[in-house]
Amino acid sequence: MNFDYNEEQQLLADSVRRFVQKDYGFEARKRIVASRDGCSAQVWSTFAEMGLLGIPFPAELGGFGGGAIDLMSAMEAIGEALVVEPFLATVGLGAQLVARGGSAAQKKAILPAVIEGRMKMAFAQTERGARYDLARVATSARRAGEVWVLEGDKRMVLGAPLADKLVVSARTSGKPADQQGISLFLVDREAAGVSLRPYVTLDETRAADVVLQAVEVGADALIGKEGEALALIEEVVDYATALLCAEALGAMKYANDATLEYLKTRKQFGVPIGTFQALQHRMVDMVIAAEQARSMACLACAKVDGETDARERKRLVSAAKVRIADACRHVSQESIQLHGGMGMTEEMKVSHTFRRLTMIGQQFGDAEHHLERFAALERG
C-alpha cells in the first residue's frame, strides 16, 4: 500500500501547514483558547477560503467530492498545530450526516453554507450511561400534528457552543439500546427549548451538555427514514474515527519532533541526554509506534471511503483505533517523561499535545471498546 500523498494532497497539506505555522502558532492558539468563544472566526473563514471545508462534499453543491484519504494531510496539520476550531464536529460529523442521509432540500440548504464557512454543526448523540454504545438513545421524539417534539439530555456534545445547527439522535420507537427506532433531526441551536451547559474540555476545545425540553421541529427536520438512523450513525462515526486517527498522526509527529529536539539540547554531566543509549531506545520506540499508527490510519481512511461491507468497515476501523489509541498513550506519556517535569507546564506545547493525544485515545471509543468490537466481528 502506498502511504505517500499524491500531488494534490501534498499541496493541500503544505498550504494548511504554512497557514498554521504562520498564523496559528502556539501563542496565537493560546489567545484563541482564552477568548470568549474559544474559536477564531478568521481561522474558520480561512479554512473556507482554502477549500478545506468543502473537500468531502459533492461538487454540485460547491465541494470537491473527496473523501477521508483526501482529508488525511489536512487532519495531520490540524493535529500538529492542535487546532481548536470545530472542524471534525462540523465536517466529519454534523454535515456528514446530512451529506449521507439528508434529503436533496436539506443538502442544498446545509452543505453550501458549511462549505462557505457560514455554518458550523455538531452531533448530539451521547447520553448518560451510554458510554460508546451508539444504540443507547433515550432522548425521545414524538409526533404532534405536523411537528416533532423532542425531549431529553445529551452529554459531551463537541462543538455545540459554536454550532449553528445540531443533528440530534432521538428515539421514535422502542426502548433504549434497541437497534431500531432511532431517528435523526436537524435542530437550530437557538430553538425554543434548547439549552446548553457549555464548558472547556481537557484538551481546550469547547463542548456542552444539551438539554431538550419540548423542542418542536418540522417534518422537514427528519434526516433519512424514521427509526432507521443507526446504520447511518455508525457509518459517520466510523468516518470521523478515521479522520481522528489521521489527526493523531500530526499530534504524535509534533510530540516526537519536540522530544527529539529536547534530547539533543538538554545536557547532563556536560553532554546532551540524547547520547544516553537508554533514552535513544525510548525515542526509537516512540517513532516506531507513530509509524505503525500511520499505516493503520491510512487503512482506516481507505476503508471508510471505499468499503461497502459495513461489517468489514467496522472491523478495520476498530483495528485502527486500537493501534492509534495505544500509540497515543505511549507517545504522549513518553514525551512527557523524556522532557522531565517541565513537560507538564502550561508554557510547553508538548503538555497540551499530551492532553489532545489522551483525548483522542478515548474519543469515539477507547482501545478496550474497539478491541471488544473487533473481537465480536471476528467471531461473527
Protein backbone atom coordinates (compact mmCIF):
# COMPACT_ATOMS: atom_id res chain seq x y z
CA MET A 1 0.00 0.00 0.00
CA ASN A 2 1.36 3.43 -0.96
CA PHE A 3 1.38 5.70 2.10
CA ASP A 4 2.65 8.75 0.22
CA TYR A 5 0.27 11.61 -0.58
CA ASN A 6 -0.43 12.38 -4.23
CA GLU A 7 0.44 15.80 -5.61
CA GLU A 8 -2.91 17.43 -4.80
CA GLN A 9 -2.97 16.02 -1.27
CA GLN A 10 0.60 17.16 -0.67
CA LEU A 11 -0.19 20.66 -1.94
CA LEU A 12 -3.16 20.83 0.44
CA ALA A 13 -1.01 19.62 3.32
CA ASP A 14 1.65 22.21 2.52
CA SER A 15 -0.85 25.06 2.32
CA VAL A 16 -2.52 24.11 5.61
CA ARG A 17 0.85 23.66 7.30
CA ARG A 18 2.08 27.05 6.04
CA PHE A 19 -1.05 28.68 7.38
CA VAL A 20 -0.85 27.13 10.83
CA GLN A 21 2.88 27.84 11.11
CA LYS A 22 2.39 31.48 10.14
CA ASP A 23 -0.94 32.35 11.76
CA TYR A 24 -1.67 29.52 14.21
CA GLY A 25 1.46 29.26 16.29
CA PHE A 26 1.33 28.18 19.91
CA GLU A 27 0.98 31.74 21.22
CA ALA A 28 -1.83 32.51 18.76
CA ARG A 29 -3.57 29.31 19.79
CA LYS A 30 -3.35 30.27 23.46
CA ARG A 31 -5.08 33.57 22.69
CA ILE A 32 -7.85 31.76 20.80
CA VAL A 33 -8.33 29.27 23.65
CA ALA A 34 -8.55 32.13 26.17
CA SER A 35 -11.11 34.07 24.10
CA ARG A 36 -14.81 34.09 24.92
CA ASP A 37 -15.77 31.66 22.14
CA GLY A 38 -12.61 29.57 22.16
CA CYS A 39 -12.67 29.72 18.38
CA SER A 40 -11.40 32.14 15.74
CA ALA A 41 -13.85 33.38 13.10
CA GLN A 42 -10.88 34.45 10.99
CA VAL A 43 -9.34 30.97 11.08
CA TRP A 44 -12.67 29.42 10.11
CA SER A 45 -13.02 31.86 7.24
CA THR A 46 -9.51 30.97 6.08
CA PHE A 47 -10.37 27.28 6.15
CA ALA A 48 -13.33 28.05 3.90
CA GLU A 49 -11.21 30.15 1.52
CA MET A 50 -8.67 27.33 1.26
CA GLY A 51 -11.46 24.94 0.29
CA LEU A 52 -10.78 22.81 3.35
CA LEU A 53 -14.42 22.75 4.48
CA GLY A 54 -15.62 21.50 1.10
CA ILE A 55 -13.25 18.61 0.44
CA PRO A 56 -15.57 15.70 1.36
CA PHE A 57 -18.80 17.13 -0.10
CA PRO A 58 -20.35 16.83 -3.58
CA ALA A 59 -19.02 19.08 -6.35
CA GLU A 60 -22.53 20.07 -7.42
CA LEU A 61 -23.00 21.76 -4.04
CA GLY A 62 -19.66 23.57 -4.08
CA GLY A 63 -17.44 20.86 -2.65
CA PHE A 64 -14.66 18.76 -4.16
CA GLY A 65 -16.13 15.27 -3.91
CA GLY A 66 -13.20 13.93 -1.90
CA GLY A 67 -13.04 11.51 0.99
CA ALA A 68 -11.19 10.70 4.17
CA ILE A 69 -7.98 9.92 2.26
CA ASP A 70 -8.07 13.43 0.76
CA LEU A 71 -8.52 14.92 4.23
CA MET A 72 -5.70 12.96 5.87
CA SER A 73 -2.99 15.53 5.16
CA ALA A 74 -5.15 18.38 6.45
CA MET A 75 -6.06 16.42 9.59
CA GLU A 76 -2.37 15.80 10.24
CA ALA A 77 -1.66 19.53 10.05
CA ILE A 78 -4.65 20.23 12.32
CA GLY A 79 -3.32 17.69 14.82
CA GLU A 80 0.21 19.05 14.73
CA ALA A 81 -0.99 22.61 15.40
CA LEU A 82 -3.61 21.48 17.98
CA VAL A 83 -6.31 23.43 16.12
CA VAL A 84 -9.32 24.00 18.41
CA GLU A 85 -11.82 25.11 15.76
CA PRO A 86 -14.69 22.55 15.37
CA PHE A 87 -13.52 21.06 12.06
CA LEU A 88 -14.20 17.44 12.97
CA ALA A 89 -17.54 18.23 14.66
CA THR A 90 -18.75 20.11 11.57
CA VAL A 91 -17.15 18.44 8.57
CA GLY A 92 -16.62 14.95 9.98
CA LEU A 93 -19.88 14.53 11.89
CA GLY A 94 -22.76 17.01 11.57
CA ALA A 95 -22.51 17.86 7.89
CA GLN A 96 -21.56 14.27 7.02
CA LEU A 97 -24.87 13.03 8.42
CA VAL A 98 -26.69 15.47 6.15
CA ALA A 99 -24.49 14.64 3.13
CA ARG A 100 -25.03 10.89 3.51
CA GLY A 101 -28.59 10.73 4.80
CA GLY A 102 -30.32 14.03 4.15
CA SER A 103 -32.89 14.92 1.53
CA ALA A 104 -32.00 16.98 -1.54
CA ALA A 105 -33.57 20.03 0.10
CA GLN A 106 -31.60 19.52 3.32
CA LYS A 107 -28.33 19.12 1.43
CA LYS A 108 -28.98 22.24 -0.61
CA ALA A 109 -29.82 24.27 2.49
CA ILE A 110 -26.99 23.00 4.72
CA LEU A 111 -23.92 21.92 2.77
CA PRO A 112 -23.18 25.10 0.75
CA ALA A 113 -23.39 27.10 3.98
CA VAL A 114 -20.92 24.72 5.66
CA ILE A 115 -18.57 24.78 2.68
CA GLU A 116 -18.58 28.60 2.59
CA GLY A 117 -17.89 28.82 6.32
CA ARG A 118 -21.28 30.33 7.17
CA MET A 119 -22.47 27.42 9.30
CA LYS A 120 -20.96 25.20 11.97
CA MET A 121 -22.57 21.99 13.15
CA ALA A 122 -22.42 19.47 15.99
CA PHE A 123 -23.74 15.95 16.50
CA ALA A 124 -25.73 15.48 19.73
CA GLN A 125 -25.56 11.73 20.34
CA THR A 126 -24.01 10.69 23.68
CA GLU A 127 -26.23 10.29 26.73
CA ARG A 128 -25.70 9.48 30.40
CA GLY A 129 -24.66 5.86 30.81
CA ALA A 130 -24.36 5.20 27.09
CA ARG A 131 -20.56 5.33 27.05
CA TYR A 132 -19.66 4.20 23.50
CA ASP A 133 -22.92 2.38 22.69
CA LEU A 134 -24.41 4.25 19.72
CA ALA A 135 -27.72 2.40 20.04
CA ARG A 136 -28.34 3.56 23.61
CA VAL A 137 -30.58 6.55 22.94
CA ALA A 138 -33.25 7.58 25.46
CA THR A 139 -33.99 11.08 24.09
CA SER A 140 -37.49 10.86 22.62
CA ALA A 141 -39.19 12.33 19.58
CA ARG A 142 -42.97 12.12 19.22
CA ARG A 143 -45.32 13.35 16.57
CA ALA A 144 -47.66 16.21 17.48
CA GLY A 145 -49.67 17.07 14.41
CA GLU A 146 -47.32 18.48 11.78
CA VAL A 147 -44.27 18.70 14.07
CA TRP A 148 -41.95 16.50 16.08
CA VAL A 149 -41.43 17.20 19.79
CA LEU A 150 -38.01 16.31 21.23
CA GLU A 151 -37.27 15.67 24.92
CA GLY A 152 -34.04 14.56 26.53
CA ASP A 153 -30.45 15.24 27.58
CA LYS A 154 -27.29 14.91 25.51
CA ARG A 155 -23.83 14.86 27.07
CA MET A 156 -20.41 15.95 25.88
CA VAL A 157 -21.55 17.38 22.53
CA LEU A 158 -18.31 18.50 20.91
CA GLY A 159 -18.55 21.91 19.25
CA ALA A 160 -22.09 22.54 20.47
CA PRO A 161 -21.41 26.03 21.91
CA LEU A 162 -20.09 27.10 18.49
CA ALA A 163 -22.68 25.34 16.33
CA ASP A 164 -25.47 26.98 14.36
CA LYS A 165 -27.31 23.68 13.91
CA LEU A 166 -27.34 20.43 15.84
CA VAL A 167 -28.02 16.98 14.47
CA VAL A 168 -29.86 15.22 17.30
CA SER A 169 -30.45 11.50 17.63
CA ALA A 170 -33.78 10.65 19.25
CA ARG A 171 -35.87 7.56 19.73
CA THR A 172 -39.15 7.50 17.80
CA SER A 173 -39.97 3.93 18.89
CA GLY A 174 -38.65 1.09 21.01
CA LYS A 175 -36.61 1.10 24.20
CA PRO A 176 -33.13 2.45 24.94
CA ALA A 177 -30.45 0.22 23.35
CA ASP A 178 -32.87 -1.17 20.72
CA GLN A 179 -31.21 -1.24 17.30
CA GLN A 180 -34.35 0.02 15.59
CA GLY A 181 -36.34 3.14 16.39
CA ILE A 182 -33.57 5.78 16.31
CA SER A 183 -34.07 8.85 14.11
CA LEU A 184 -32.05 11.98 13.36
CA PHE A 185 -33.31 15.56 13.42
CA LEU A 186 -31.91 18.94 12.45
CA VAL A 187 -32.33 21.40 15.32
CA ASP A 188 -31.36 25.08 15.48
CA ARG A 189 -29.10 25.69 18.46
CA GLU A 190 -31.19 28.76 19.34
CA ALA A 191 -34.55 26.98 19.02
CA ALA A 192 -37.05 27.33 21.86
CA GLY A 193 -36.49 24.65 24.48
CA VAL A 194 -32.82 24.07 23.64
CA SER A 195 -30.44 24.95 26.46
CA LEU A 196 -26.70 24.39 26.70
CA ARG A 197 -24.29 23.93 29.60
CA PRO A 198 -21.00 24.84 27.88
CA TYR A 199 -17.53 24.04 29.17
CA VAL A 200 -13.91 23.70 28.09
CA THR A 201 -12.63 20.16 27.70
CA LEU A 202 -9.32 18.76 28.91
CA ASP A 203 -7.76 19.44 25.52
CA GLU A 204 -9.12 23.02 25.45
CA THR A 205 -11.86 22.59 22.87
CA ARG A 206 -15.45 23.65 23.52
CA ALA A 207 -18.27 21.23 24.28
CA ALA A 208 -21.63 21.33 26.05
CA ASP A 209 -24.35 19.25 27.61
CA VAL A 210 -27.53 19.88 25.65
CA VAL A 211 -30.99 19.79 27.24
CA LEU A 212 -34.06 19.48 25.00
CA GLN A 213 -37.35 20.47 26.59
CA ALA A 214 -40.42 20.24 24.34
CA VAL A 215 -38.36 21.29 21.33
CA GLU A 216 -40.56 21.46 18.24
CA VAL A 217 -39.16 20.82 14.76
CA GLY A 218 -40.96 20.48 11.46
CA ALA A 219 -41.40 17.29 9.48
CA ASP A 220 -38.65 18.50 7.15
CA ALA A 221 -36.13 18.30 10.04
CA LEU A 222 -36.10 14.49 9.90
CA ILE A 223 -32.91 13.15 8.28
CA GLY A 224 -33.47 9.94 6.36
CA LYS A 225 -36.12 7.38 7.26
CA GLU A 226 -37.86 7.39 10.61
CA GLY A 227 -36.44 4.82 13.02
CA GLU A 228 -33.61 3.64 10.73
CA ALA A 229 -30.77 6.01 11.60
CA LEU A 230 -28.43 3.65 13.49
CA ALA A 231 -26.65 2.35 10.39
CA LEU A 232 -26.04 5.92 9.20
CA ILE A 233 -24.78 6.97 12.65
CA GLU A 234 -22.35 4.05 12.74
CA GLU A 235 -21.12 4.85 9.23
CA VAL A 236 -20.47 8.51 10.00
CA VAL A 237 -18.89 7.85 13.41
CA ASP A 238 -16.53 5.37 11.72
CA TYR A 239 -15.71 8.07 9.16
CA ALA A 240 -15.00 10.60 11.92
CA THR A 241 -12.92 7.99 13.78
CA ALA A 242 -10.73 7.53 10.70
CA LEU A 243 -10.22 11.30 10.48
CA LEU A 244 -9.40 11.38 14.19
CA CYS A 245 -6.73 8.72 13.61
CA ALA A 246 -5.19 10.98 10.94
CA GLU A 247 -5.28 13.93 13.35
CA ALA A 248 -3.43 11.82 15.91
CA LEU A 249 -0.58 11.35 13.44
CA GLY A 250 0.07 15.09 13.38
CA ALA A 251 -0.02 15.39 17.16
CA MET A 252 2.34 12.44 17.54
CA LYS A 253 4.68 13.93 14.95
CA TYR A 254 4.94 17.11 16.99
CA ALA A 255 5.47 15.17 20.23
CA ASN A 256 8.24 13.11 18.64
CA ASP A 257 9.93 16.10 16.99
CA ALA A 258 9.81 18.19 20.16
CA THR A 259 11.13 15.34 22.28
CA LEU A 260 13.98 14.58 19.87
CA GLU A 261 14.99 18.25 19.83
CA TYR A 262 14.93 18.33 23.63
CA LEU A 263 17.14 15.25 23.84
CA LYS A 264 19.64 16.94 21.53
CA THR A 265 19.83 20.18 23.53
CA ARG A 266 19.26 19.24 27.20
CA LYS A 267 22.58 18.46 28.86
CA GLN A 268 23.54 16.42 31.90
CA PHE A 269 27.10 15.69 33.01
CA GLY A 270 28.24 18.02 30.21
CA VAL A 271 26.71 16.03 27.33
CA PRO A 272 23.29 16.03 25.60
CA ILE A 273 20.97 13.48 27.22
CA GLY A 274 20.24 12.17 23.74
CA THR A 275 23.65 10.46 23.84
CA PHE A 276 22.41 8.13 26.58
CA GLN A 277 21.55 4.81 24.98
CA ALA A 278 18.55 4.10 27.19
CA LEU A 279 16.89 7.34 26.08
CA GLN A 280 17.75 6.63 22.45
CA HIS A 281 15.91 3.30 22.69
CA ARG A 282 12.83 5.01 24.14
CA MET A 283 12.87 7.61 21.38
CA VAL A 284 13.08 4.89 18.75
CA ASP A 285 10.08 3.12 20.30
CA MET A 286 8.09 6.36 20.05
CA VAL A 287 8.92 6.71 16.35
CA ILE A 288 8.02 3.08 15.66
CA ALA A 289 4.66 3.49 17.44
CA ALA A 290 3.87 6.55 15.32
CA GLU A 291 4.82 4.78 12.08
CA GLN A 292 2.66 1.77 12.93
CA ALA A 293 -0.19 4.15 13.69
CA ARG A 294 0.30 5.83 10.30
CA SER A 295 -0.18 2.59 8.38
CA MET A 296 -3.38 1.79 10.30
CA ALA A 297 -4.74 5.33 9.87
CA CYS A 298 -4.21 5.07 6.11
CA LEU A 299 -6.05 1.75 6.08
CA ALA A 300 -8.95 3.15 8.11
CA CYS A 301 -9.34 6.19 5.83
CA ALA A 302 -9.24 3.99 2.73
CA LYS A 303 -11.89 1.67 4.14
CA VAL A 304 -14.36 4.36 5.19
CA ASP A 305 -14.07 5.78 1.67
CA GLY A 306 -14.45 2.61 -0.35
CA GLU A 307 -15.65 -0.33 1.76
CA THR A 308 -19.27 -1.27 1.00
CA ASP A 309 -19.44 -4.08 3.56
CA ALA A 310 -20.38 -2.40 6.86
CA ARG A 311 -19.08 -5.33 8.88
CA GLU A 312 -15.63 -5.17 7.26
CA ARG A 313 -15.54 -1.37 7.65
CA LYS A 314 -16.29 -1.60 11.36
CA ARG A 315 -13.70 -4.35 11.85
CA LEU A 316 -10.87 -2.41 10.24
CA VAL A 317 -11.78 0.94 11.81
CA SER A 318 -11.74 -0.75 15.22
CA ALA A 319 -8.38 -2.36 14.45
CA ALA A 320 -7.00 1.05 13.52
CA LYS A 321 -8.42 2.76 16.61
CA VAL A 322 -6.88 0.14 18.90
CA ARG A 323 -3.45 0.78 17.38
CA ILE A 324 -3.88 4.57 17.37
CA ALA A 325 -5.14 4.66 20.98
CA ASP A 326 -2.18 2.59 22.15
CA ALA A 327 0.24 4.78 20.17
CA CYS A 328 -1.34 7.96 21.56
CA ARG A 329 -0.84 6.71 25.10
CA HIS A 330 2.72 5.55 24.51
CA VAL A 331 3.96 8.61 22.59
CA SER A 332 2.25 11.17 24.81
CA GLN A 333 3.42 9.65 28.07
CA GLU A 334 6.97 9.08 26.86
CA SER A 335 7.22 12.63 25.52
CA ILE A 336 6.34 13.98 28.96
CA GLN A 337 8.71 11.65 30.79
CA LEU A 338 11.64 12.42 28.49
CA HIS A 339 11.03 16.16 28.94
CA GLY A 340 11.02 15.74 32.68
CA GLY A 341 8.91 17.91 35.00
CA MET A 342 8.91 20.87 32.63
CA GLY A 343 6.97 18.78 30.11
CA MET A 344 3.84 19.25 32.23
CA THR A 345 3.99 23.04 32.36
CA GLU A 346 1.43 25.24 30.60
CA GLU A 347 4.22 27.04 28.77
CA MET A 348 5.30 23.91 26.90
CA LYS A 349 3.25 22.92 23.85
CA VAL A 350 4.13 19.29 24.47
CA SER A 351 1.92 19.29 27.58
CA HIS A 352 -1.05 20.44 25.51
CA THR A 353 -0.22 17.80 22.90
CA PHE A 354 -0.26 15.22 25.69
CA ARG A 355 -3.81 16.30 26.58
CA ARG A 356 -5.01 16.13 22.99
CA LEU A 357 -3.49 12.68 22.42
CA THR A 358 -5.08 11.48 25.66
CA MET A 359 -8.49 12.68 24.47
CA ILE A 360 -8.04 11.16 21.01
CA GLY A 361 -7.34 7.82 22.65
CA GLN A 362 -10.79 7.98 24.33
CA GLN A 363 -12.89 9.72 21.67
CA PHE A 364 -15.35 7.52 19.72
CA GLY A 365 -14.23 4.52 21.77
CA ASP A 366 -11.07 3.67 23.68
CA ALA A 367 -8.77 0.73 22.93
CA GLU A 368 -10.76 -1.70 25.10
CA HIS A 369 -14.07 -0.81 23.44
CA HIS A 370 -12.70 -1.22 19.94
CA LEU A 371 -10.87 -4.41 20.83
CA GLU A 372 -14.19 -5.84 22.04
CA ARG A 373 -15.94 -4.70 18.84
CA PHE A 374 -13.17 -6.16 16.69
CA ALA A 375 -13.32 -9.49 18.53
CA ALA A 376 -17.12 -9.64 18.25
CA LEU A 377 -16.94 -9.02 14.50
CA GLU A 378 -14.20 -11.64 14.12
CA ARG A 379 -16.35 -14.21 15.93
CA GLY A 380 -19.27 -13.38 13.66
